[in-house]
């Protein structure tokens, strides 16, 4: 079974930094489009950043210039470096993988809390 496991969340002050990691199953990582989503209480889940298997990257406008997504295929791990954090960044952050040709399969991690104090 495919597993996505997030780590690196926690509490940080406004302006601080955190680095999230997502360890993915070897069977899917190298070919998957990977991404980060977040969901604040009472709000809809939103895409934060995504990176394809060949390295193309997209960011939400709200995090552009502050967050950096990357992947290490040798470690089957995706990262989200979050700098200049703001209180509105407080949310549960989810690792996501999109895999498959023809039939597309979505996989989600359990989520990890990021809290930015003001």
PDB file of N, CA and C in Angstrom:
ATOM      1  N   UNK A   1       0.832  -1.191   0.000  1.00  0.00           N
ATOM      2  CA  UNK A   1       0.000   0.000   0.000  1.00  0.00           C
ATOM      3  C   UNK A   1       0.870   1.246   0.000  1.00  0.00           C
ATOM      4  N   UNK A   2       0.364   2.280  -0.649  1.00  0.00           N
ATOM      5  CA  UNK A   2       1.060   3.544  -0.688  1.00  0.00           C
ATOM      6  C   UNK A   2       0.890   4.255   0.643  1.00  0.00           C
ATOM      7  N   UNK A   3       1.991   4.783   1.149  1.00  0.00           N
ATOM      8  CA  UNK A   3       1.963   5.550   2.380  1.00  0.00           C
ATOM      9  C   UNK A   3       2.667   6.877   2.178  1.00  0.00           C
ATOM     10  N   UNK A   4       2.076   7.923   2.738  1.00  0.00           N
ATOM     11  CA  UNK A   4       2.671   9.243   2.780  1.00  0.00           C
ATOM     12  C   UNK A   4       2.705   9.673   4.234  1.00  0.00           C
ATOM     13  N   UNK A   5       3.872  10.023   4.729  1.00  0.00           N
ATOM     14  CA  UNK A   5       4.041  10.347   6.133  1.00  0.00           C
ATOM     15  C   UNK A   5       4.705  11.703   6.254  1.00  0.00           C
ATOM     16  N   UNK A   6       3.979  12.645   6.849  1.00  0.00           N
ATOM     17  CA  UNK A   6       4.499  13.994   7.033  1.00  0.00           C
ATOM     18  C   UNK A   6       5.251  14.108   8.345  1.00  0.00           C
ATOM     19  N   UNK A   7       6.195  15.032   8.376  1.00  0.00           N
ATOM     20  CA  UNK A   7       6.904  15.362   9.596  1.00  0.00           C
ATOM     21  C   UNK A   7       7.396  16.797   9.501  1.00  0.00           C
ATOM     22  N   UNK A   8       7.779  17.355  10.633  1.00  0.00           N
ATOM     23  CA  UNK A   8       8.379  18.673  10.654  1.00  0.00           C
ATOM     24  C   UNK A   8       7.468  19.817  11.043  1.00  0.00           C
ATOM     25  N   UNK A   9       6.218  19.533  11.351  1.00  0.00           N
ATOM     26  CA  UNK A   9       5.313  20.579  11.772  1.00  0.00           C
ATOM     27  C   UNK A   9       5.590  21.027  13.191  1.00  0.00           C
ATOM     28  N   UNK A  10       4.797  21.992  13.636  1.00  0.00           N
ATOM     29  CA  UNK A  10       4.954  22.481  14.990  1.00  0.00           C
ATOM     30  C   UNK A  10       4.519  23.918  15.132  1.00  0.00           C
ATOM     31  N   UNK A  11       4.990  24.531  16.188  1.00  0.00           N
ATOM     32  CA  UNK A  11       4.646  25.903  16.538  1.00  0.00           C
ATOM     33  C   UNK A  11       5.813  26.819  16.223  1.00  0.00           C
ATOM     34  N   UNK A  12       5.523  27.912  15.552  1.00  0.00           N
ATOM     35  CA  UNK A  12       6.554  28.865  15.190  1.00  0.00           C
ATOM     36  C   UNK A  12       5.981  30.276  15.276  1.00  0.00           C
ATOM     37  N   UNK A  13       6.829  31.224  15.560  1.00  0.00           N
ATOM     38  CA  UNK A  13       6.403  32.615  15.611  1.00  0.00           C
ATOM     39  C   UNK A  13       6.274  33.203  14.220  1.00  0.00           C
ATOM     40  N   UNK A  14       5.459  34.237  14.112  1.00  0.00           N
ATOM     41  CA  UNK A  14       5.364  34.976  12.864  1.00  0.00           C
ATOM     42  C   UNK A  14       6.754  35.391  12.396  1.00  0.00           C
ATOM     43  N   UNK A  15       7.022  35.153  11.127  1.00  0.00           N
ATOM     44  CA  UNK A  15       8.321  35.460  10.553  1.00  0.00           C
ATOM     45  C   UNK A  15       9.318  34.326  10.618  1.00  0.00           C
ATOM     46  N   UNK A  16       8.988  33.286  11.342  1.00  0.00           N
ATOM     47  CA  UNK A  16       9.872  32.149  11.483  1.00  0.00           C
ATOM     48  C   UNK A  16       9.760  31.176  10.331  1.00  0.00           C
ATOM     49  N   UNK A  17      10.465  30.062  10.474  1.00  0.00           N
ATOM     50  CA  UNK A  17      10.547  29.071   9.408  1.00  0.00           C
ATOM     51  C   UNK A  17      10.300  27.670   9.932  1.00  0.00           C
ATOM     52  N   UNK A  18       9.769  26.834   9.075  1.00  0.00           N
ATOM     53  CA  UNK A  18       9.634  25.409   9.315  1.00  0.00           C
ATOM     54  C   UNK A  18       9.910  24.682   8.019  1.00  0.00           C
ATOM     55  N   UNK A  19      10.368  23.456   8.137  1.00  0.00           N
ATOM     56  CA  UNK A  19      10.568  22.605   6.974  1.00  0.00           C
ATOM     57  C   UNK A  19       9.757  21.337   7.150  1.00  0.00           C
ATOM     58  N   UNK A  20       8.779  21.144   6.285  1.00  0.00           N
ATOM     59  CA  UNK A  20       7.979  19.939   6.293  1.00  0.00           C
ATOM     60  C   UNK A  20       8.596  18.896   5.377  1.00  0.00           C
ATOM     61  N   UNK A  21       8.477  17.651   5.779  1.00  0.00           N
ATOM     62  CA  UNK A  21       8.932  16.534   4.967  1.00  0.00           C
ATOM     63  C   UNK A  21       7.786  15.566   4.746  1.00  0.00           C
ATOM     64  N   UNK A  22       7.789  14.923   3.609  1.00  0.00           N
ATOM     65  CA  UNK A  22       6.821  13.880   3.296  1.00  0.00           C
ATOM     66  C   UNK A  22       7.576  12.696   2.732  1.00  0.00           C
ATOM     67  N   UNK A  23       7.611  11.627   3.486  1.00  0.00           N
ATOM     68  CA  UNK A  23       8.234  10.388   3.042  1.00  0.00           C
ATOM     69  C   UNK A  23       7.182   9.530   2.347  1.00  0.00           C
ATOM     70  N   UNK A  24       7.463   9.150   1.127  1.00  0.00           N
ATOM     71  CA  UNK A  24       6.499   8.427   0.304  1.00  0.00           C
ATOM     72  C   UNK A  24       6.989   7.032  -0.029  1.00  0.00           C
ATOM     73  N   UNK A  25       6.046   6.173  -0.378  1.00  0.00           N
ATOM     74  CA  UNK A  25       6.388   4.821  -0.796  1.00  0.00           C
ATOM     75  C   UNK A  25       7.261   4.863  -2.035  1.00  0.00           C
ATOM     76  N   UNK A  26       8.279   4.039  -2.032  1.00  0.00           N
ATOM     77  CA  UNK A  26       9.193   3.970  -3.163  1.00  0.00           C
ATOM     78  C   UNK A  26       8.476   3.618  -4.462  1.00  0.00           C
ATOM     79  N   UNK A  27       7.414   2.825  -4.358  1.00  0.00           N
ATOM     80  CA  UNK A  27       6.727   2.325  -5.538  1.00  0.00           C
ATOM     81  C   UNK A  27       6.091   3.421  -6.380  1.00  0.00           C
ATOM     82  N   UNK A  28       5.806   4.559  -5.799  1.00  0.00           N
ATOM     83  CA  UNK A  28       5.112   5.613  -6.527  1.00  0.00           C
ATOM     84  C   UNK A  28       5.872   6.918  -6.615  1.00  0.00           C
ATOM     85  N   UNK A  29       6.862   7.119  -5.775  1.00  0.00           N
ATOM     86  CA  UNK A  29       7.412   8.460  -5.633  1.00  0.00           C
ATOM     87  C   UNK A  29       8.041   8.986  -6.912  1.00  0.00           C
ATOM     88  N   UNK A  30       8.855   8.188  -7.555  1.00  0.00           N
ATOM     89  CA  UNK A  30       9.632   8.690  -8.686  1.00  0.00           C
ATOM     90  C   UNK A  30       8.762   9.146  -9.853  1.00  0.00           C
ATOM     91  N   UNK A  31       7.566   8.610  -9.977  1.00  0.00           N
ATOM     92  CA  UNK A  31       6.697   8.939 -11.091  1.00  0.00           C
ATOM     93  C   UNK A  31       5.519   9.824 -10.710  1.00  0.00           C
ATOM     94  N   UNK A  32       5.414  10.175  -9.454  1.00  0.00           N
ATOM     95  CA  UNK A  32       4.252  10.899  -8.961  1.00  0.00           C
ATOM     96  C   UNK A  32       4.448  12.404  -9.020  1.00  0.00           C
ATOM     97  N   UNK A  33       3.346  13.094  -9.293  1.00  0.00           N
ATOM     98  CA  UNK A  33       3.283  14.513  -8.991  1.00  0.00           C
ATOM     99  C   UNK A  33       2.983  14.642  -7.502  1.00  0.00           C
ATOM    100  N   UNK A  34       3.837  15.332  -6.803  1.00  0.00           N
ATOM    101  CA  UNK A  34       3.713  15.488  -5.367  1.00  0.00           C
ATOM    102  C   UNK A  34       3.304  16.915  -5.037  1.00  0.00           C
ATOM    103  N   UNK A  35       2.599  17.072  -3.937  1.00  0.00           N
ATOM    104  CA  UNK A  35       2.192  18.408  -3.560  1.00  0.00           C
ATOM    105  C   UNK A  35       1.836  18.526  -2.098  1.00  0.00           C
ATOM    106  N   UNK A  36       1.700  19.765  -1.683  1.00  0.00           N
ATOM    107  CA  UNK A  36       1.264  20.100  -0.336  1.00  0.00           C
ATOM    108  C   UNK A  36      -0.046  20.862  -0.402  1.00  0.00           C
ATOM    109  N   UNK A  37      -0.970  20.475   0.439  1.00  0.00           N
ATOM    110  CA  UNK A  37      -2.224  21.177   0.647  1.00  0.00           C
ATOM    111  C   UNK A  37      -2.311  21.579   2.105  1.00  0.00           C
ATOM    112  N   UNK A  38      -3.175  22.523   2.399  1.00  0.00           N
ATOM    113  CA  UNK A  38      -3.404  22.882   3.782  1.00  0.00           C
ATOM    114  C   UNK A  38      -4.874  23.205   4.003  1.00  0.00           C
ATOM    115  N   UNK A  39      -5.312  23.018   5.227  1.00  0.00           N
ATOM    116  CA  UNK A  39      -6.686  23.288   5.588  1.00  0.00           C
ATOM    117  C   UNK A  39      -6.722  23.924   6.966  1.00  0.00           C
ATOM    118  N   UNK A  40      -7.195  25.150   7.005  1.00  0.00           N
ATOM    119  CA  UNK A  40      -7.398  25.848   8.262  1.00  0.00           C
ATOM    120  C   UNK A  40      -8.777  25.510   8.808  1.00  0.00           C
ATOM    121  N   UNK A  41      -8.976  25.635  10.119  1.00  0.00           N
ATOM    122  CA  UNK A  41     -10.287  25.326  10.703  1.00  0.00           C
ATOM    123  C   UNK A  41     -11.406  26.119  10.043  1.00  0.00           C
ATOM    124  N   UNK A  42     -12.463  25.430   9.634  1.00  0.00           N
ATOM    125  CA  UNK A  42     -13.602  26.072   9.020  1.00  0.00           C
ATOM    126  C   UNK A  42     -13.412  26.495   7.585  1.00  0.00           C
ATOM    127  N   UNK A  43     -12.270  26.167   6.996  1.00  0.00           N
ATOM    128  CA  UNK A  43     -11.994  26.571   5.630  1.00  0.00           C
ATOM    129  C   UNK A  43     -11.776  25.358   4.733  1.00  0.00           C
ATOM    130  N   UNK A  44     -11.882  25.592   3.446  1.00  0.00           N
ATOM    131  CA  UNK A  44     -11.686  24.546   2.464  1.00  0.00           C
ATOM    132  C   UNK A  44     -10.201  24.232   2.311  1.00  0.00           C
ATOM    133  N   UNK A  45      -9.906  22.982   2.029  1.00  0.00           N
ATOM    134  CA  UNK A  45      -8.534  22.608   1.764  1.00  0.00           C
ATOM    135  C   UNK A  45      -8.048  23.279   0.480  1.00  0.00           C
ATOM    136  N   UNK A  46      -6.838  23.811   0.519  1.00  0.00           N
ATOM    137  CA  UNK A  46      -6.296  24.511  -0.624  1.00  0.00           C
ATOM    138  C   UNK A  46      -4.915  23.988  -0.978  1.00  0.00           C
ATOM    139  N   UNK A  47      -4.609  24.053  -2.250  1.00  0.00           N
ATOM    140  CA  UNK A  47      -3.287  23.670  -2.718  1.00  0.00           C
ATOM    141  C   UNK A  47      -2.278  24.743  -2.352  1.00  0.00           C
ATOM    142  N   UNK A  48      -1.123  24.313  -1.904  1.00  0.00           N
ATOM    143  CA  UNK A  48      -0.040  25.210  -1.528  1.00  0.00           C
ATOM    144  C   UNK A  48       1.065  25.211  -2.567  1.00  0.00           C
ATOM    145  N   UNK A  49       1.522  24.030  -2.930  1.00  0.00           N
ATOM    146  CA  UNK A  49       2.604  23.893  -3.889  1.00  0.00           C
ATOM    147  C   UNK A  49       2.599  22.483  -4.446  1.00  0.00           C
ATOM    148  N   UNK A  50       3.113  22.326  -5.655  1.00  0.00           N
ATOM    149  CA  UNK A  50       3.194  21.018  -6.281  1.00  0.00           C
ATOM    150  C   UNK A  50       4.459  20.924  -7.111  1.00  0.00           C
ATOM    151  N   UNK A  51       4.943  19.708  -7.255  1.00  0.00           N
ATOM    152  CA  UNK A  51       6.133  19.459  -8.053  1.00  0.00           C
ATOM    153  C   UNK A  51       5.946  18.151  -8.805  1.00  0.00           C
ATOM    154  N   UNK A  52       6.170  18.181 -10.106  1.00  0.00           N
ATOM    155  CA  UNK A  52       5.998  17.001 -10.926  1.00  0.00           C
ATOM    156  C   UNK A  52       7.227  16.114 -10.848  1.00  0.00           C
ATOM    157  N   UNK A  53       7.109  14.937 -11.454  1.00  0.00           N
ATOM    158  CA  UNK A  53       8.215  13.993 -11.434  1.00  0.00           C
ATOM    159  C   UNK A  53       9.442  14.518 -12.164  1.00  0.00           C
ATOM    160  N   UNK A  54       9.244  15.423 -13.124  1.00  0.00           N
ATOM    161  CA  UNK A  54      10.379  15.991 -13.843  1.00  0.00           C
ATOM    162  C   UNK A  54      10.772  17.378 -13.336  1.00  0.00           C
ATOM    163  N   UNK A  55      10.172  17.808 -12.227  1.00  0.00           N
ATOM    164  CA  UNK A  55      10.650  18.996 -11.554  1.00  0.00           C
ATOM    165  C   UNK A  55       9.899  20.282 -11.790  1.00  0.00           C
ATOM    166  N   UNK A  56       8.815  20.254 -12.550  1.00  0.00           N
ATOM    167  CA  UNK A  56       8.020  21.465 -12.729  1.00  0.00           C
ATOM    168  C   UNK A  56       7.298  21.809 -11.437  1.00  0.00           C
ATOM    169  N   UNK A  57       7.246  23.085 -11.100  1.00  0.00           N
ATOM    170  CA  UNK A  57       6.743  23.537  -9.810  1.00  0.00           C
ATOM    171  C   UNK A  57       5.671  24.602  -9.984  1.00  0.00           C
ATOM    172  N   UNK A  58       4.643  24.523  -9.161  1.00  0.00           N
ATOM    173  CA  UNK A  58       3.625  25.559  -9.052  1.00  0.00           C
ATOM    174  C   UNK A  58       3.434  25.916  -7.590  1.00  0.00           C
ATOM    175  N   UNK A  59       3.205  27.203  -7.332  1.00  0.00           N
ATOM    176  CA  UNK A  59       2.921  27.690  -5.994  1.00  0.00           C
ATOM    177  C   UNK A  59       1.612  28.458  -5.976  1.00  0.00           C
ATOM    178  N   UNK A  60       0.931  28.379  -4.838  1.00  0.00           N
ATOM    179  CA  UNK A  60      -0.176  29.286  -4.614  1.00  0.00           C
ATOM    180  C   UNK A  60       0.357  30.706  -4.503  1.00  0.00           C
ATOM    181  N   UNK A  61      -0.425  31.662  -4.983  1.00  0.00           N
ATOM    182  CA  UNK A  61       0.010  33.052  -4.917  1.00  0.00           C
ATOM    183  C   UNK A  61       0.316  33.488  -3.485  1.00  0.00           C
ATOM    184  N   UNK A  62      -0.402  32.940  -2.540  1.00  0.00           N
ATOM    185  CA  UNK A  62      -0.263  33.354  -1.153  1.00  0.00           C
ATOM    186  C   UNK A  62       1.075  32.970  -0.537  1.00  0.00           C
ATOM    187  N   UNK A  63       1.775  32.008  -1.130  1.00  0.00           N
ATOM    188  CA  UNK A  63       3.052  31.561  -0.571  1.00  0.00           C
ATOM    189  C   UNK A  63       4.226  31.829  -1.498  1.00  0.00           C
ATOM    190  N   UNK A  64       3.962  32.366  -2.666  1.00  0.00           N
ATOM    191  CA  UNK A  64       5.018  32.628  -3.642  1.00  0.00           C
ATOM    192  C   UNK A  64       6.092  33.513  -3.034  1.00  0.00           C
ATOM    193  N   UNK A  65       7.331  33.101  -3.213  1.00  0.00           N
ATOM    194  CA  UNK A  65       8.455  33.857  -2.703  1.00  0.00           C
ATOM    195  C   UNK A  65       8.833  33.542  -1.281  1.00  0.00           C
ATOM    196  N   UNK A  66       7.982  32.825  -0.560  1.00  0.00           N
ATOM    197  CA  UNK A  66       8.250  32.490   0.835  1.00  0.00           C
ATOM    198  C   UNK A  66       8.446  30.992   1.053  1.00  0.00           C
ATOM    199  N   UNK A  67       7.745  30.183   0.268  1.00  0.00           N
ATOM    200  CA  UNK A  67       7.821  28.732   0.399  1.00  0.00           C
ATOM    201  C   UNK A  67       8.588  28.153  -0.779  1.00  0.00           C
ATOM    202  N   UNK A  68       9.289  27.058  -0.529  1.00  0.00           N
ATOM    203  CA  UNK A  68      10.010  26.350  -1.570  1.00  0.00           C
ATOM    204  C   UNK A  68       9.710  24.865  -1.480  1.00  0.00           C
ATOM    205  N   UNK A  69       9.201  24.304  -2.564  1.00  0.00           N
ATOM    206  CA  UNK A  69       8.952  22.876  -2.624  1.00  0.00           C
ATOM    207  C   UNK A  69      10.112  22.204  -3.351  1.00  0.00           C
ATOM    208  N   UNK A  70      10.471  21.023  -2.904  1.00  0.00           N
ATOM    209  CA  UNK A  70      11.543  20.273  -3.537  1.00  0.00           C
ATOM    210  C   UNK A  70      11.303  18.787  -3.323  1.00  0.00           C
ATOM    211  N   UNK A  71      12.063  17.980  -4.038  1.00  0.00           N
ATOM    212  CA  UNK A  71      11.963  16.539  -3.863  1.00  0.00           C
ATOM    213  C   UNK A  71      13.333  15.916  -4.015  1.00  0.00           C
ATOM    214  N   UNK A  72      13.551  14.860  -3.262  1.00  0.00           N
ATOM    215  CA  UNK A  72      14.772  14.088  -3.315  1.00  0.00           C
ATOM    216  C   UNK A  72      14.377  12.673  -3.695  1.00  0.00           C
ATOM    217  N   UNK A  73      14.565  12.335  -4.953  1.00  0.00           N
ATOM    218  CA  UNK A  73      14.123  11.032  -5.429  1.00  0.00           C
ATOM    219  C   UNK A  73      14.908   9.880  -4.806  1.00  0.00           C
ATOM    220  N   UNK A  74      16.153  10.126  -4.446  1.00  0.00           N
ATOM    221  CA  UNK A  74      16.951   9.087  -3.807  1.00  0.00           C
ATOM    222  C   UNK A  74      16.407   8.714  -2.438  1.00  0.00           C
ATOM    223  N   UNK A  75      15.765   9.669  -1.775  1.00  0.00           N
ATOM    224  CA  UNK A  75      15.201   9.436  -0.449  1.00  0.00           C
ATOM    225  C   UNK A  75      13.693   9.253  -0.467  1.00  0.00           C
ATOM    226  N   UNK A  76      13.087   9.324  -1.640  1.00  0.00           N
ATOM    227  CA  UNK A  76      11.629   9.228  -1.759  1.00  0.00           C
ATOM    228  C   UNK A  76      10.930  10.213  -0.833  1.00  0.00           C
ATOM    229  N   UNK A  77      11.433  11.421  -0.806  1.00  0.00           N
ATOM    230  CA  UNK A  77      10.951  12.422   0.132  1.00  0.00           C
ATOM    231  C   UNK A  77      10.737  13.750  -0.571  1.00  0.00           C
ATOM    232  N   UNK A  78       9.634  14.402  -0.222  1.00  0.00           N
ATOM    233  CA  UNK A  78       9.325  15.742  -0.689  1.00  0.00           C
ATOM    234  C   UNK A  78       9.405  16.686   0.495  1.00  0.00           C
ATOM    235  N   UNK A  79       9.800  17.927   0.229  1.00  0.00           N
ATOM    236  CA  UNK A  79       9.979  18.912   1.280  1.00  0.00           C
ATOM    237  C   UNK A  79       9.211  20.184   0.959  1.00  0.00           C
ATOM    238  N   UNK A  80       8.866  20.888   2.002  1.00  0.00           N
ATOM    239  CA  UNK A  80       8.322  22.230   1.864  1.00  0.00           C
ATOM    240  C   UNK A  80       9.034  23.121   2.870  1.00  0.00           C
ATOM    241  N   UNK A  81       9.919  23.955   2.371  1.00  0.00           N
ATOM    242  CA  UNK A  81      10.594  24.930   3.207  1.00  0.00           C
ATOM    243  C   UNK A  81       9.703  26.151   3.303  1.00  0.00           C
ATOM    244  N   UNK A  82       9.287  26.491   4.505  1.00  0.00           N
ATOM    245  CA  UNK A  82       8.368  27.591   4.736  1.00  0.00           C
ATOM    246  C   UNK A  82       9.100  28.680   5.507  1.00  0.00           C
ATOM    247  N   UNK A  83       9.306  29.799   4.859  1.00  0.00           N
ATOM    248  CA  UNK A  83       9.953  30.949   5.467  1.00  0.00           C
ATOM    249  C   UNK A  83       8.966  32.093   5.600  1.00  0.00           C
ATOM    250  N   UNK A  84       9.313  33.052   6.429  1.00  0.00           N
ATOM    251  CA  UNK A  84       8.479  34.235   6.643  1.00  0.00           C
ATOM    252  C   UNK A  84       7.033  33.858   6.924  1.00  0.00           C
ATOM    253  N   UNK A  85       6.850  32.937   7.838  1.00  0.00           N
ATOM    254  CA  UNK A  85       5.513  32.424   8.117  1.00  0.00           C
ATOM    255  C   UNK A  85       4.615  33.496   8.717  1.00  0.00           C
ATOM    256  N   UNK A  86       3.343  33.414   8.348  1.00  0.00           N
ATOM    257  CA  UNK A  86       2.328  34.342   8.790  1.00  0.00           C
ATOM    258  C   UNK A  86       1.247  33.594   9.559  1.00  0.00           C
ATOM    259  N   UNK A  87       0.488  34.289  10.410  1.00  0.00           N
ATOM    260  CA  UNK A  87      -0.581  33.606  11.150  1.00  0.00           C
ATOM    261  C   UNK A  87      -1.574  32.883  10.247  1.00  0.00           C
ATOM    262  N   UNK A  88      -1.837  33.414   9.070  1.00  0.00           N
ATOM    263  CA  UNK A  88      -2.760  32.750   8.158  1.00  0.00           C
ATOM    264  C   UNK A  88      -2.204  31.454   7.593  1.00  0.00           C
ATOM    265  N   UNK A  89      -0.944  31.172   7.864  1.00  0.00           N
ATOM    266  CA  UNK A  89      -0.373  29.886   7.516  1.00  0.00           C
ATOM    267  C   UNK A  89      -0.718  28.782   8.498  1.00  0.00           C
ATOM    268  N   UNK A  90      -1.377  29.120   9.580  1.00  0.00           N
ATOM    269  CA  UNK A  90      -1.804  28.119  10.553  1.00  0.00           C
ATOM    270  C   UNK A  90      -2.836  27.189   9.930  1.00  0.00           C
ATOM    271  N   UNK A  91      -2.536  25.911   9.892  1.00  0.00           N
ATOM    272  CA  UNK A  91      -3.396  24.941   9.235  1.00  0.00           C
ATOM    273  C   UNK A  91      -2.830  23.547   9.447  1.00  0.00           C
ATOM    274  N   UNK A  92      -3.611  22.564   9.077  1.00  0.00           N
ATOM    275  CA  UNK A  92      -3.093  21.217   8.925  1.00  0.00           C
ATOM    276  C   UNK A  92      -2.579  21.094   7.502  1.00  0.00           C
ATOM    277  N   UNK A  93      -1.343  20.693   7.363  1.00  0.00           N
ATOM    278  CA  UNK A  93      -0.717  20.542   6.063  1.00  0.00           C
ATOM    279  C   UNK A  93      -0.697  19.075   5.672  1.00  0.00           C
ATOM    280  N   UNK A  94      -1.116  18.809   4.441  1.00  0.00           N
ATOM    281  CA  UNK A  94      -1.240  17.443   3.945  1.00  0.00           C
ATOM    282  C   UNK A  94      -0.309  17.203   2.772  1.00  0.00           C
ATOM    283  N   UNK A  95       0.370  16.096   2.808  1.00  0.00           N
ATOM    284  CA  UNK A  95       1.133  15.615   1.671  1.00  0.00           C
ATOM    285  C   UNK A  95       0.190  14.905   0.710  1.00  0.00           C
ATOM    286  N   UNK A  96       0.397  15.119  -0.578  1.00  0.00           N
ATOM    287  CA  UNK A  96      -0.464  14.537  -1.604  1.00  0.00           C
ATOM    288  C   UNK A  96       0.380  13.978  -2.737  1.00  0.00           C
ATOM    289  N   UNK A  97      -0.068  12.863  -3.277  1.00  0.00           N
ATOM    290  CA  UNK A  97       0.562  12.272  -4.450  1.00  0.00           C
ATOM    291  C   UNK A  97      -0.489  11.951  -5.489  1.00  0.00           C
ATOM    292  N   UNK A  98      -0.183  12.254  -6.733  1.00  0.00           N
ATOM    293  CA  UNK A  98      -1.033  11.926  -7.869  1.00  0.00           C
ATOM    294  C   UNK A  98      -0.248  11.004  -8.779  1.00  0.00           C
ATOM    295  N   UNK A  99      -0.789   9.833  -9.009  1.00  0.00           N
ATOM    296  CA  UNK A  99      -0.079   8.827  -9.798  1.00  0.00           C
ATOM    297  C   UNK A  99      -1.006   8.198 -10.817  1.00  0.00           C
ATOM    298  N   UNK A 100      -0.397   7.569 -11.803  1.00  0.00           N
ATOM    299  CA  UNK A 100      -1.151   6.777 -12.754  1.00  0.00           C
ATOM    300  C   UNK A 100      -1.199   7.364 -14.142  1.00  0.00           C
ATOM    301  N   UNK A 101      -1.318   6.481 -15.101  1.00  0.00           N
ATOM    302  CA  UNK A 101      -1.543   6.828 -16.495  1.00  0.00           C
ATOM    303  C   UNK A 101      -2.903   6.277 -16.899  1.00  0.00           C
ATOM    304  N   UNK A 102      -3.776   7.138 -17.382  1.00  0.00           N
ATOM    305  CA  UNK A 102      -5.144   6.740 -17.669  1.00  0.00           C
ATOM    306  C   UNK A 102      -5.990   6.879 -16.430  1.00  0.00           C
ATOM    307  N   UNK A 103      -5.877   5.933 -15.540  1.00  0.00           N
ATOM    308  CA  UNK A 103      -6.528   6.027 -14.234  1.00  0.00           C
ATOM    309  C   UNK A 103      -5.612   6.787 -13.284  1.00  0.00           C
ATOM    310  N   UNK A 104      -6.119   7.866 -12.727  1.00  0.00           N
ATOM    311  CA  UNK A 104      -5.355   8.691 -11.799  1.00  0.00           C
ATOM    312  C   UNK A 104      -5.747   8.337 -10.380  1.00  0.00           C
ATOM    313  N   UNK A 105      -4.760   8.147  -9.539  1.00  0.00           N
ATOM    314  CA  UNK A 105      -4.974   7.808  -8.148  1.00  0.00           C
ATOM    315  C   UNK A 105      -4.412   8.896  -7.257  1.00  0.00           C
ATOM    316  N   UNK A 106      -5.191   9.272  -6.273  1.00  0.00           N
ATOM    317  CA  UNK A 106      -4.794  10.282  -5.301  1.00  0.00           C
ATOM    318  C   UNK A 106      -4.503   9.628  -3.965  1.00  0.00           C
ATOM    319  N   UNK A 107      -3.392  10.010  -3.373  1.00  0.00           N
ATOM    320  CA  UNK A 107      -3.019   9.526  -2.058  1.00  0.00           C
ATOM    321  C   UNK A 107      -2.756  10.709  -1.145  1.00  0.00           C
ATOM    322  N   UNK A 108      -3.157  10.563   0.109  1.00  0.00           N
ATOM    323  CA  UNK A 108      -3.025  11.629   1.093  1.00  0.00           C
ATOM    324  C   UNK A 108      -2.331  11.135   2.345  1.00  0.00           C
ATOM    325  N   UNK A 109      -1.498  11.986   2.903  1.00  0.00           N
ATOM    326  CA  UNK A 109      -0.977  11.730   4.224  1.00  0.00           C
ATOM    327  C   UNK A 109      -2.002  12.057   5.287  1.00  0.00           C
ATOM    328  N   UNK A 110      -1.656  11.797   6.529  1.00  0.00           N
ATOM    329  CA  UNK A 110      -2.572  12.049   7.636  1.00  0.00           C
ATOM    330  C   UNK A 110      -2.685  13.525   7.996  1.00  0.00           C
ATOM    331  N   UNK A 111      -1.734  14.310   7.579  1.00  0.00           N
ATOM    332  CA  UNK A 111      -1.715  15.723   7.887  1.00  0.00           C
ATOM    333  C   UNK A 111      -0.855  16.019   9.095  1.00  0.00           C
ATOM    334  N   UNK A 112      -0.323  17.228   9.139  1.00  0.00           N
ATOM    335  CA  UNK A 112       0.507  17.646  10.251  1.00  0.00           C
ATOM    336  C   UNK A 112       0.211  19.107  10.560  1.00  0.00           C
ATOM    337  N   UNK A 113       0.126  19.412  11.850  1.00  0.00           N
ATOM    338  CA  UNK A 113      -0.268  20.749  12.278  1.00  0.00           C
ATOM    339  C   UNK A 113       0.896  21.719  12.187  1.00  0.00           C
ATOM    340  N   UNK A 114       0.615  22.871  11.614  1.00  0.00           N
ATOM    341  CA  UNK A 114       1.520  24.010  11.648  1.00  0.00           C
ATOM    342  C   UNK A 114       0.768  25.161  12.299  1.00  0.00           C
ATOM    343  N   UNK A 115       1.334  25.707  13.343  1.00  0.00           N
ATOM    344  CA  UNK A 115       0.720  26.825  14.040  1.00  0.00           C
ATOM    345  C   UNK A 115       1.692  27.996  14.059  1.00  0.00           C
ATOM    346  N   UNK A 116       1.238  29.123  13.556  1.00  0.00           N
ATOM    347  CA  UNK A 116       2.054  30.331  13.509  1.00  0.00           C
ATOM    348  C   UNK A 116       1.450  31.326  14.482  1.00  0.00           C
ATOM    349  N   UNK A 117       2.174  31.641  15.523  1.00  0.00           N
ATOM    350  CA  UNK A 117       1.675  32.543  16.543  1.00  0.00           C
ATOM    351  C   UNK A 117       1.860  33.989  16.122  1.00  0.00           C
ATOM    352  N   UNK A 118       0.932  34.831  16.543  1.00  0.00           N
ATOM    353  CA  UNK A 118       0.962  36.238  16.196  1.00  0.00           C
ATOM    354  C   UNK A 118       1.322  37.098  17.393  1.00  0.00           C
TER     355      UNK A 118
END
